[in-house]
Amino acid sequence: MKQNSVSFFYMVWAALIFQGVAAADHDGQKITAGWVENIILATGQVKLRAKLDTGAKTSSIHAENIEHYDVDGEPWVRFSLPLSFLKNAKQRHTIETPVVRTVLIKRHKLESMRRPVVQLAFCINAHFYEAEFTLADRSNYIYPVLLGRSFLADNIVVDAGTTHKKSKLIKRLDCTPELATDQGEN
């Protein structure tokens, strides 16, 4: 009987602690999302599928035809985002944006390579975000966008048992910074 009382006490204690953690996440304006969600890029209002991956440190986006150039002495990049991920292989969306920094990617048994990092704005449901993305060839992956833990840590709790928890609410959404002031439902 004493053993059962102790076990019950620990279960109640753990439940209270868990409720406190969940409340802290809600107060911190984090949303809960599935491990796969649709996002809308603010540039061009392009809808893409994204994998929310807590095992990856950084975020990346598929990019083709990357061109580097300068605007007033500052590095910029132009790249194409093939919309084949959206069932239309012939269309492309071109993005031009400043380069935030360049990272050196070390690859096993291959030569290291430099990749540009850009800041892009996007929405998940009625939530507006900005994050840094490494431009990468993700053509061999299912999802053209990967959201890593450097972004997720402050913004999203990932429900690994769910996909499209927030995406199902997207019908026609204009992804604009105004969503940052009116975040909708969590």
N, C-alpha and C. Protein backbone atom coordinates (compact mmCIF):
# COMPACT_ATOMS: atom_id res chain seq x y z
N MET A 1 0.82 -1.19 0.00
CA MET A 1 0.00 0.00 0.00
C MET A 1 0.87 1.26 0.00
N LYS A 2 1.94 1.24 0.83
CA LYS A 2 2.83 2.39 0.90
C LYS A 2 3.48 2.65 -0.46
N GLN A 3 3.87 1.57 -1.16
CA GLN A 3 4.48 1.68 -2.49
C GLN A 3 3.54 2.39 -3.45
N ASN A 4 2.25 2.03 -3.46
CA ASN A 4 1.26 2.66 -4.34
C ASN A 4 1.07 4.13 -4.01
N SER A 5 1.10 4.49 -2.73
CA SER A 5 0.94 5.89 -2.31
C SER A 5 2.10 6.73 -2.82
N VAL A 6 3.31 6.19 -2.71
CA VAL A 6 4.49 6.91 -3.18
C VAL A 6 4.43 7.08 -4.69
N SER A 7 4.06 6.03 -5.41
CA SER A 7 3.95 6.11 -6.87
C SER A 7 2.89 7.13 -7.28
N PHE A 8 1.75 7.11 -6.59
CA PHE A 8 0.68 8.07 -6.89
C PHE A 8 1.16 9.50 -6.64
N PHE A 9 1.88 9.71 -5.54
CA PHE A 9 2.42 11.04 -5.22
C PHE A 9 3.32 11.54 -6.35
N TYR A 10 4.22 10.69 -6.83
CA TYR A 10 5.14 11.10 -7.90
C TYR A 10 4.40 11.37 -9.21
N MET A 11 3.35 10.60 -9.48
CA MET A 11 2.57 10.85 -10.70
C MET A 11 1.86 12.20 -10.63
N VAL A 12 1.28 12.52 -9.48
CA VAL A 12 0.61 13.82 -9.31
C VAL A 12 1.63 14.94 -9.40
N TRP A 13 2.77 14.77 -8.74
CA TRP A 13 3.84 15.78 -8.76
C TRP A 13 4.31 16.03 -10.20
N ALA A 14 4.53 14.95 -10.97
CA ALA A 14 4.98 15.09 -12.36
C ALA A 14 3.92 15.79 -13.21
N ALA A 15 2.66 15.48 -12.98
CA ALA A 15 1.58 16.13 -13.73
C ALA A 15 1.54 17.62 -13.45
N LEU A 16 1.73 18.01 -12.20
CA LEU A 16 1.74 19.44 -11.85
C LEU A 16 2.92 20.15 -12.49
N ILE A 17 4.08 19.52 -12.47
CA ILE A 17 5.27 20.10 -13.11
C ILE A 17 5.03 20.27 -14.60
N PHE A 18 4.47 19.23 -15.26
CA PHE A 18 4.21 19.30 -16.70
C PHE A 18 3.25 20.43 -17.03
N GLN A 19 2.20 20.60 -16.22
CA GLN A 19 1.25 21.70 -16.46
C GLN A 19 1.94 23.04 -16.36
N GLY A 20 2.88 23.18 -15.44
CA GLY A 20 3.63 24.43 -15.30
C GLY A 20 4.48 24.70 -16.53
N VAL A 21 5.09 23.66 -17.08
CA VAL A 21 5.89 23.82 -18.30
C VAL A 21 5.00 24.21 -19.47
N ALA A 22 3.86 23.57 -19.61
CA ALA A 22 2.95 23.91 -20.71
C ALA A 22 2.47 25.34 -20.58
N ALA A 23 2.17 25.78 -19.36
CA ALA A 23 1.72 27.16 -19.16
C ALA A 23 2.83 28.14 -19.51
N ALA A 24 4.07 27.80 -19.18
CA ALA A 24 5.19 28.69 -19.50
C ALA A 24 5.34 28.84 -21.00
N ASP A 25 5.16 27.74 -21.75
CA ASP A 25 5.26 27.83 -23.20
C ASP A 25 4.17 28.73 -23.76
N HIS A 26 2.95 28.61 -23.25
CA HIS A 26 1.85 29.43 -23.74
C HIS A 26 2.11 30.91 -23.45
N ASP A 27 2.59 31.20 -22.24
CA ASP A 27 2.87 32.59 -21.88
C ASP A 27 3.99 33.17 -22.73
N GLY A 28 4.91 32.33 -23.18
CA GLY A 28 6.03 32.77 -24.02
C GLY A 28 5.65 32.89 -25.48
N GLN A 29 4.38 32.80 -25.81
CA GLN A 29 3.86 32.95 -27.16
C GLN A 29 4.32 31.84 -28.11
N LYS A 30 4.72 30.70 -27.58
CA LYS A 30 5.04 29.58 -28.45
C LYS A 30 3.75 28.93 -28.92
N ILE A 31 3.77 28.43 -30.14
CA ILE A 31 2.64 27.65 -30.62
C ILE A 31 3.07 26.19 -30.68
N THR A 32 2.12 25.29 -30.69
CA THR A 32 2.41 23.88 -30.88
C THR A 32 2.06 23.55 -32.33
N ALA A 33 3.00 22.92 -33.01
CA ALA A 33 2.80 22.58 -34.42
C ALA A 33 3.26 21.14 -34.64
N GLY A 34 2.80 20.55 -35.72
CA GLY A 34 3.22 19.20 -36.08
C GLY A 34 4.62 19.20 -36.66
N TRP A 35 5.19 18.02 -36.86
CA TRP A 35 6.55 17.95 -37.38
C TRP A 35 6.63 18.26 -38.87
N VAL A 36 5.48 18.32 -39.55
CA VAL A 36 5.39 18.82 -40.92
C VAL A 36 4.27 19.85 -40.95
N GLU A 37 4.56 21.02 -41.49
CA GLU A 37 3.56 22.09 -41.61
C GLU A 37 3.72 22.79 -42.95
N ASN A 38 2.66 23.42 -43.41
CA ASN A 38 2.76 24.30 -44.57
C ASN A 38 3.16 25.67 -44.07
N ILE A 39 4.05 26.31 -44.82
CA ILE A 39 4.41 27.70 -44.53
C ILE A 39 4.11 28.52 -45.77
N ILE A 40 3.96 29.81 -45.57
CA ILE A 40 3.80 30.73 -46.70
C ILE A 40 4.94 31.73 -46.62
N LEU A 41 5.77 31.78 -47.67
CA LEU A 41 6.82 32.79 -47.73
C LEU A 41 6.18 34.14 -47.98
N ALA A 42 6.59 35.14 -47.22
CA ALA A 42 6.04 36.49 -47.39
C ALA A 42 6.38 37.04 -48.77
N THR A 43 7.58 36.72 -49.26
CA THR A 43 7.99 37.15 -50.59
C THR A 43 7.29 36.28 -51.62
N GLY A 44 6.29 36.82 -52.27
CA GLY A 44 5.58 36.09 -53.32
C GLY A 44 4.40 35.27 -52.85
N GLN A 45 4.18 35.20 -51.53
CA GLN A 45 3.05 34.44 -50.99
C GLN A 45 3.06 32.99 -51.47
N VAL A 46 4.24 32.38 -51.47
CA VAL A 46 4.43 31.01 -51.95
C VAL A 46 4.22 30.03 -50.79
N LYS A 47 3.37 29.04 -51.01
CA LYS A 47 3.08 28.03 -50.00
C LYS A 47 4.01 26.84 -50.21
N LEU A 48 4.72 26.42 -49.14
CA LEU A 48 5.67 25.31 -49.19
C LEU A 48 5.47 24.40 -47.99
N ARG A 49 5.87 23.14 -48.14
CA ARG A 49 5.86 22.21 -47.01
C ARG A 49 7.19 22.30 -46.28
N ALA A 50 7.11 22.32 -44.96
CA ALA A 50 8.32 22.43 -44.14
C ALA A 50 8.36 21.30 -43.12
N LYS A 51 9.56 20.80 -42.89
CA LYS A 51 9.79 19.82 -41.84
C LYS A 51 10.34 20.58 -40.63
N LEU A 52 9.72 20.42 -39.48
CA LEU A 52 10.17 21.05 -38.25
C LEU A 52 11.04 20.02 -37.54
N ASP A 53 12.35 20.24 -37.55
CA ASP A 53 13.31 19.23 -37.15
C ASP A 53 14.15 19.70 -35.97
N THR A 54 13.84 19.19 -34.78
CA THR A 54 14.60 19.57 -33.59
C THR A 54 16.01 18.97 -33.59
N GLY A 55 16.27 18.02 -34.48
CA GLY A 55 17.60 17.43 -34.58
C GLY A 55 18.56 18.24 -35.44
N ALA A 56 18.03 19.20 -36.19
CA ALA A 56 18.86 20.06 -37.03
C ALA A 56 19.05 21.40 -36.33
N LYS A 57 20.26 21.90 -36.31
CA LYS A 57 20.51 23.18 -35.63
C LYS A 57 19.95 24.36 -36.42
N THR A 58 20.23 24.39 -37.71
CA THR A 58 19.85 25.56 -38.51
C THR A 58 18.71 25.24 -39.46
N SER A 59 18.12 26.28 -39.99
CA SER A 59 17.06 26.14 -40.99
C SER A 59 17.65 26.24 -42.38
N SER A 60 17.03 25.59 -43.35
CA SER A 60 17.50 25.69 -44.73
C SER A 60 16.32 25.68 -45.68
N ILE A 61 16.56 26.20 -46.88
CA ILE A 61 15.53 26.24 -47.91
C ILE A 61 16.17 25.82 -49.23
N HIS A 62 15.42 25.10 -50.03
CA HIS A 62 15.92 24.66 -51.33
C HIS A 62 16.12 25.87 -52.24
N ALA A 63 17.26 25.93 -52.90
CA ALA A 63 17.55 27.05 -53.80
C ALA A 63 18.32 26.54 -55.01
N GLU A 64 17.95 27.07 -56.18
CA GLU A 64 18.65 26.76 -57.42
C GLU A 64 19.08 28.05 -58.09
N ASN A 65 20.02 27.94 -59.01
CA ASN A 65 20.50 29.09 -59.80
C ASN A 65 20.91 30.25 -58.90
N ILE A 66 21.72 29.96 -57.90
CA ILE A 66 22.14 30.99 -56.95
C ILE A 66 23.15 31.93 -57.62
N GLU A 67 22.85 33.22 -57.59
CA GLU A 67 23.72 34.25 -58.15
C GLU A 67 24.08 35.24 -57.06
N HIS A 68 25.38 35.50 -56.91
CA HIS A 68 25.86 36.48 -55.93
C HIS A 68 26.11 37.80 -56.65
N TYR A 69 25.74 38.91 -56.01
CA TYR A 69 26.02 40.23 -56.57
C TYR A 69 26.04 41.25 -55.43
N ASP A 70 26.43 42.47 -55.73
CA ASP A 70 26.52 43.53 -54.72
C ASP A 70 25.49 44.61 -54.98
N VAL A 71 24.94 45.15 -53.90
CA VAL A 71 24.07 46.33 -53.95
C VAL A 71 24.67 47.33 -52.97
N ASP A 72 25.16 48.44 -53.50
CA ASP A 72 25.81 49.47 -52.68
C ASP A 72 26.91 48.88 -51.80
N GLY A 73 27.69 47.97 -52.36
CA GLY A 73 28.81 47.37 -51.64
C GLY A 73 28.43 46.25 -50.68
N GLU A 74 27.16 45.93 -50.58
CA GLU A 74 26.71 44.86 -49.68
C GLU A 74 26.39 43.60 -50.50
N PRO A 75 26.73 42.42 -49.96
CA PRO A 75 26.46 41.18 -50.70
C PRO A 75 24.97 40.84 -50.72
N TRP A 76 24.49 40.52 -51.91
CA TRP A 76 23.11 40.08 -52.11
C TRP A 76 23.14 38.76 -52.86
N VAL A 77 22.00 38.09 -52.88
CA VAL A 77 21.89 36.84 -53.60
C VAL A 77 20.52 36.79 -54.29
N ARG A 78 20.53 36.18 -55.46
CA ARG A 78 19.29 35.91 -56.20
C ARG A 78 19.24 34.40 -56.40
N PHE A 79 18.10 33.81 -56.11
CA PHE A 79 17.97 32.37 -56.30
C PHE A 79 16.57 32.02 -56.74
N SER A 80 16.46 30.85 -57.35
CA SER A 80 15.17 30.34 -57.81
C SER A 80 14.69 29.26 -56.87
N LEU A 81 13.42 29.32 -56.62
CA LEU A 81 12.77 28.29 -55.82
C LEU A 81 11.81 27.57 -56.76
N PRO A 82 12.18 26.34 -57.18
CA PRO A 82 11.29 25.62 -58.09
C PRO A 82 10.00 25.25 -57.38
N LEU A 83 8.91 25.46 -58.07
CA LEU A 83 7.62 25.18 -57.46
C LEU A 83 7.18 23.75 -57.74
N SER A 84 8.13 22.89 -58.11
CA SER A 84 7.81 21.48 -58.34
C SER A 84 7.32 20.84 -57.05
N PHE A 85 7.73 21.39 -55.92
CA PHE A 85 7.24 20.90 -54.64
C PHE A 85 5.75 21.18 -54.51
N LEU A 86 5.25 22.09 -55.35
CA LEU A 86 3.84 22.46 -55.32
C LEU A 86 3.09 21.86 -56.50
N LYS A 87 3.61 20.78 -57.07
CA LYS A 87 2.98 20.04 -58.17
C LYS A 87 2.96 20.82 -59.49
N ASN A 88 3.86 21.75 -59.68
CA ASN A 88 3.94 22.49 -60.95
C ASN A 88 5.42 22.68 -61.28
N ALA A 89 6.01 21.71 -61.96
CA ALA A 89 7.45 21.68 -62.17
C ALA A 89 7.97 22.79 -63.07
N LYS A 90 7.11 23.44 -63.84
CA LYS A 90 7.59 24.44 -64.79
C LYS A 90 7.74 25.83 -64.19
N GLN A 91 7.06 26.12 -63.11
CA GLN A 91 7.13 27.45 -62.52
C GLN A 91 8.26 27.56 -61.51
N ARG A 92 8.81 28.77 -61.44
CA ARG A 92 9.85 29.07 -60.46
C ARG A 92 9.52 30.40 -59.82
N HIS A 93 9.93 30.53 -58.58
CA HIS A 93 9.78 31.80 -57.87
C HIS A 93 11.19 32.32 -57.60
N THR A 94 11.48 33.53 -58.03
CA THR A 94 12.80 34.12 -57.83
C THR A 94 12.78 35.04 -56.62
N ILE A 95 13.78 34.89 -55.78
CA ILE A 95 13.91 35.72 -54.58
C ILE A 95 15.25 36.44 -54.65
N GLU A 96 15.24 37.74 -54.36
CA GLU A 96 16.45 38.54 -54.24
C GLU A 96 16.48 39.12 -52.84
N THR A 97 17.59 38.92 -52.14
CA THR A 97 17.67 39.35 -50.74
C THR A 97 19.12 39.54 -50.31
N PRO A 98 19.36 40.36 -49.29
CA PRO A 98 20.73 40.51 -48.78
C PRO A 98 21.24 39.20 -48.16
N VAL A 99 22.54 39.02 -48.21
CA VAL A 99 23.18 37.88 -47.55
C VAL A 99 23.51 38.31 -46.12
N VAL A 100 23.03 37.57 -45.14
CA VAL A 100 23.29 37.88 -43.74
C VAL A 100 24.72 37.49 -43.38
N ARG A 101 25.13 36.33 -43.84
CA ARG A 101 26.48 35.82 -43.61
C ARG A 101 26.69 34.62 -44.51
N THR A 102 27.89 34.10 -44.50
CA THR A 102 28.21 32.89 -45.26
C THR A 102 28.74 31.86 -44.28
N VAL A 103 28.32 30.61 -44.45
CA VAL A 103 28.79 29.54 -43.58
C VAL A 103 29.61 28.54 -44.38
N LEU A 104 30.56 27.92 -43.70
CA LEU A 104 31.38 26.88 -44.31
C LEU A 104 30.80 25.54 -43.89
N ILE A 105 30.37 24.76 -44.85
CA ILE A 105 29.78 23.44 -44.59
C ILE A 105 30.86 22.39 -44.81
N LYS A 106 31.17 21.65 -43.76
CA LYS A 106 32.15 20.56 -43.88
C LYS A 106 31.39 19.29 -44.21
N ARG A 107 31.87 18.59 -45.24
CA ARG A 107 31.19 17.38 -45.70
C ARG A 107 32.14 16.20 -45.62
N HIS A 108 31.65 15.08 -45.12
CA HIS A 108 32.44 13.87 -44.95
C HIS A 108 32.95 13.38 -46.31
N LYS A 109 34.26 13.25 -46.43
CA LYS A 109 34.93 12.76 -47.63
C LYS A 109 34.71 13.63 -48.87
N LEU A 110 34.21 14.83 -48.69
CA LEU A 110 34.02 15.76 -49.79
C LEU A 110 34.64 17.10 -49.41
N GLU A 111 34.86 17.91 -50.40
CA GLU A 111 35.42 19.24 -50.16
C GLU A 111 34.38 20.11 -49.44
N SER A 112 34.87 20.92 -48.50
CA SER A 112 33.97 21.86 -47.81
C SER A 112 33.42 22.86 -48.81
N MET A 113 32.25 23.41 -48.51
CA MET A 113 31.66 24.39 -49.41
C MET A 113 31.05 25.54 -48.61
N ARG A 114 31.02 26.71 -49.24
CA ARG A 114 30.42 27.89 -48.61
C ARG A 114 28.98 28.03 -49.08
N ARG A 115 28.11 28.37 -48.13
CA ARG A 115 26.70 28.59 -48.46
C ARG A 115 26.24 29.93 -47.89
N PRO A 116 25.47 30.67 -48.67
CA PRO A 116 24.93 31.93 -48.15
C PRO A 116 23.78 31.67 -47.17
N VAL A 117 23.67 32.57 -46.20
CA VAL A 117 22.57 32.55 -45.24
C VAL A 117 21.77 33.83 -45.46
N VAL A 118 20.45 33.68 -45.59
CA VAL A 118 19.57 34.83 -45.82
C VAL A 118 18.48 34.83 -44.75
N GLN A 119 17.90 36.00 -44.54
CA GLN A 119 16.76 36.10 -43.63
C GLN A 119 15.49 36.20 -44.47
N LEU A 120 14.54 35.31 -44.17
CA LEU A 120 13.27 35.28 -44.89
C LEU A 120 12.11 35.36 -43.91
N ALA A 121 11.06 36.01 -44.35
CA ALA A 121 9.83 36.11 -43.56
C ALA A 121 8.85 35.06 -44.07
N PHE A 122 8.10 34.48 -43.14
CA PHE A 122 7.13 33.45 -43.51
C PHE A 122 6.05 33.36 -42.45
N CYS A 123 4.98 32.66 -42.79
CA CYS A 123 3.88 32.46 -41.86
C CYS A 123 3.59 30.98 -41.70
N ILE A 124 3.24 30.62 -40.48
CA ILE A 124 2.64 29.32 -40.19
C ILE A 124 1.27 29.67 -39.62
N ASN A 125 0.23 29.30 -40.37
CA ASN A 125 -1.14 29.70 -40.03
C ASN A 125 -1.16 31.22 -39.92
N ALA A 126 -1.63 31.79 -38.83
CA ALA A 126 -1.71 33.25 -38.71
C ALA A 126 -0.56 33.79 -37.88
N HIS A 127 0.57 33.10 -37.90
CA HIS A 127 1.74 33.53 -37.12
C HIS A 127 2.85 33.94 -38.08
N PHE A 128 3.33 35.16 -37.94
CA PHE A 128 4.37 35.72 -38.80
C PHE A 128 5.73 35.57 -38.12
N TYR A 129 6.72 35.08 -38.87
CA TYR A 129 8.07 34.88 -38.33
C TYR A 129 9.11 35.36 -39.33
N GLU A 130 10.31 35.60 -38.82
CA GLU A 130 11.49 35.81 -39.65
C GLU A 130 12.57 34.89 -39.11
N ALA A 131 13.32 34.27 -40.01
CA ALA A 131 14.38 33.36 -39.59
C ALA A 131 15.49 33.36 -40.62
N GLU A 132 16.67 32.93 -40.18
CA GLU A 132 17.80 32.77 -41.09
C GLU A 132 17.73 31.38 -41.72
N PHE A 133 17.98 31.35 -43.03
CA PHE A 133 17.97 30.10 -43.79
C PHE A 133 19.27 29.96 -44.57
N THR A 134 19.86 28.78 -44.52
CA THR A 134 20.97 28.44 -45.39
C THR A 134 20.38 28.04 -46.73
N LEU A 135 20.94 28.57 -47.82
CA LEU A 135 20.48 28.16 -49.15
C LEU A 135 21.17 26.85 -49.50
N ALA A 136 20.39 25.84 -49.83
CA ALA A 136 20.94 24.50 -50.04
C ALA A 136 20.19 23.78 -51.14
N ASP A 137 20.85 22.78 -51.72
CA ASP A 137 20.19 21.90 -52.68
C ASP A 137 19.45 20.83 -51.88
N ARG A 138 18.15 20.97 -51.77
CA ARG A 138 17.32 20.01 -51.04
C ARG A 138 16.49 19.16 -52.00
N SER A 139 16.94 19.06 -53.25
CA SER A 139 16.17 18.33 -54.26
C SER A 139 16.04 16.84 -53.95
N ASN A 140 16.94 16.30 -53.14
CA ASN A 140 16.87 14.89 -52.77
C ASN A 140 16.04 14.65 -51.51
N TYR A 141 15.45 15.71 -50.98
CA TYR A 141 14.65 15.60 -49.78
C TYR A 141 13.17 15.79 -50.11
N ILE A 142 12.31 15.31 -49.25
CA ILE A 142 10.87 15.43 -49.47
C ILE A 142 10.40 16.86 -49.29
N TYR A 143 10.97 17.55 -48.30
CA TYR A 143 10.49 18.88 -47.94
C TYR A 143 11.48 19.95 -48.37
N PRO A 144 11.03 20.97 -49.08
CA PRO A 144 11.93 22.02 -49.55
C PRO A 144 12.41 22.95 -48.45
N VAL A 145 11.75 22.93 -47.30
CA VAL A 145 12.12 23.80 -46.18
C VAL A 145 12.35 22.95 -44.94
N LEU A 146 13.42 23.27 -44.22
CA LEU A 146 13.70 22.63 -42.95
C LEU A 146 13.80 23.74 -41.91
N LEU A 147 12.99 23.65 -40.86
CA LEU A 147 13.07 24.61 -39.76
C LEU A 147 13.81 23.93 -38.61
N GLY A 148 14.99 24.45 -38.26
CA GLY A 148 15.83 23.86 -37.23
C GLY A 148 15.60 24.46 -35.86
N ARG A 149 16.28 23.88 -34.88
CA ARG A 149 16.01 24.26 -33.49
C ARG A 149 16.45 25.67 -33.13
N SER A 150 17.38 26.29 -33.87
CA SER A 150 17.73 27.68 -33.56
C SER A 150 16.52 28.59 -33.76
N PHE A 151 15.63 28.25 -34.68
CA PHE A 151 14.37 28.98 -34.85
C PHE A 151 13.29 28.44 -33.91
N LEU A 152 13.18 27.12 -33.85
CA LEU A 152 12.09 26.49 -33.09
C LEU A 152 12.15 26.80 -31.60
N ALA A 153 13.35 26.89 -31.04
CA ALA A 153 13.52 27.02 -29.59
C ALA A 153 12.71 28.16 -28.98
N ASP A 154 12.62 29.27 -29.65
CA ASP A 154 11.91 30.43 -29.10
C ASP A 154 10.49 30.58 -29.63
N ASN A 155 10.09 29.74 -30.58
CA ASN A 155 8.84 30.00 -31.27
C ASN A 155 7.82 28.86 -31.29
N ILE A 156 8.30 27.62 -31.39
CA ILE A 156 7.37 26.52 -31.65
C ILE A 156 7.74 25.29 -30.83
N VAL A 157 6.73 24.66 -30.26
CA VAL A 157 6.87 23.35 -29.64
C VAL A 157 6.40 22.34 -30.69
N VAL A 158 7.24 21.37 -30.99
CA VAL A 158 6.92 20.40 -32.05
C VAL A 158 6.23 19.18 -31.45
N ASP A 159 5.05 18.87 -31.97
CA ASP A 159 4.31 17.67 -31.61
C ASP A 159 4.70 16.60 -32.62
N ALA A 160 5.60 15.70 -32.20
CA ALA A 160 6.16 14.70 -33.12
C ALA A 160 5.13 13.69 -33.61
N GLY A 161 3.98 13.62 -32.97
CA GLY A 161 2.95 12.67 -33.37
C GLY A 161 1.93 13.26 -34.34
N THR A 162 2.14 14.50 -34.78
CA THR A 162 1.15 15.18 -35.60
C THR A 162 1.81 15.83 -36.81
N THR A 163 1.08 15.86 -37.92
CA THR A 163 1.49 16.67 -39.07
C THR A 163 0.35 17.63 -39.39
N HIS A 164 0.71 18.76 -39.92
CA HIS A 164 -0.25 19.77 -40.37
C HIS A 164 -1.25 20.20 -39.29
N LYS A 165 -0.76 20.32 -38.07
CA LYS A 165 -1.61 20.77 -36.96
C LYS A 165 -2.08 22.21 -37.18
N LYS A 166 -1.20 23.06 -37.72
CA LYS A 166 -1.55 24.46 -38.00
C LYS A 166 -1.89 24.67 -39.47
N SER A 167 -1.38 23.84 -40.36
CA SER A 167 -1.57 24.02 -41.80
C SER A 167 -3.01 23.88 -42.24
N LYS A 168 -3.76 23.03 -41.57
CA LYS A 168 -5.14 22.78 -41.98
C LYS A 168 -5.98 24.04 -41.91
N LEU A 169 -5.55 25.01 -41.11
CA LEU A 169 -6.31 26.25 -40.97
C LEU A 169 -6.03 27.23 -42.11
N ILE A 170 -5.01 26.95 -42.93
CA ILE A 170 -4.65 27.87 -44.02
C ILE A 170 -5.62 27.66 -45.17
N LYS A 171 -6.31 28.68 -45.54
CA LYS A 171 -7.13 28.65 -46.76
C LYS A 171 -6.54 29.68 -47.71
N ARG A 172 -6.75 30.94 -47.44
CA ARG A 172 -6.13 32.01 -48.22
C ARG A 172 -5.59 33.01 -47.21
N LEU A 173 -4.30 33.05 -47.07
CA LEU A 173 -3.68 33.91 -46.07
C LEU A 173 -2.64 34.78 -46.74
N ASP A 174 -2.74 36.07 -46.53
CA ASP A 174 -1.68 36.97 -46.96
C ASP A 174 -0.69 37.08 -45.81
N CYS A 175 0.52 36.60 -46.05
CA CYS A 175 1.55 36.60 -45.03
C CYS A 175 2.21 37.97 -45.01
N THR A 176 1.88 38.76 -44.01
CA THR A 176 2.42 40.12 -43.88
C THR A 176 2.87 40.36 -42.45
N PRO A 177 3.75 41.35 -42.23
CA PRO A 177 4.21 41.66 -40.87
C PRO A 177 3.07 42.04 -39.92
N GLU A 178 1.93 42.48 -40.45
CA GLU A 178 0.81 42.85 -39.60
C GLU A 178 0.32 41.66 -38.77
N LEU A 179 0.60 40.45 -39.23
CA LEU A 179 0.21 39.27 -38.46
C LEU A 179 0.96 39.19 -37.15
N ALA A 180 2.13 39.84 -37.06
CA ALA A 180 2.92 39.82 -35.83
C ALA A 180 2.20 40.54 -34.70
N THR A 181 1.34 41.50 -35.02
CA THR A 181 0.62 42.22 -33.98
C THR A 181 -0.70 41.55 -33.63
N ASP A 182 -1.21 40.70 -34.52
CA ASP A 182 -2.46 39.99 -34.27
C ASP A 182 -2.22 38.52 -34.58
N GLN A 183 -1.69 37.80 -33.61
CA GLN A 183 -1.20 36.44 -33.85
C GLN A 183 -2.27 35.38 -33.98
N GLY A 184 -3.52 35.68 -33.86
CA GLY A 184 -4.56 34.66 -34.02
C GLY A 184 -4.53 33.66 -32.89
N GLU A 185 -5.05 32.45 -33.16
CA GLU A 185 -5.11 31.41 -32.13
C GLU A 185 -3.78 30.72 -31.99
N ASN A 186 -3.48 30.25 -30.76
CA ASN A 186 -2.27 29.46 -30.55
C ASN A 186 -2.52 28.03 -30.78
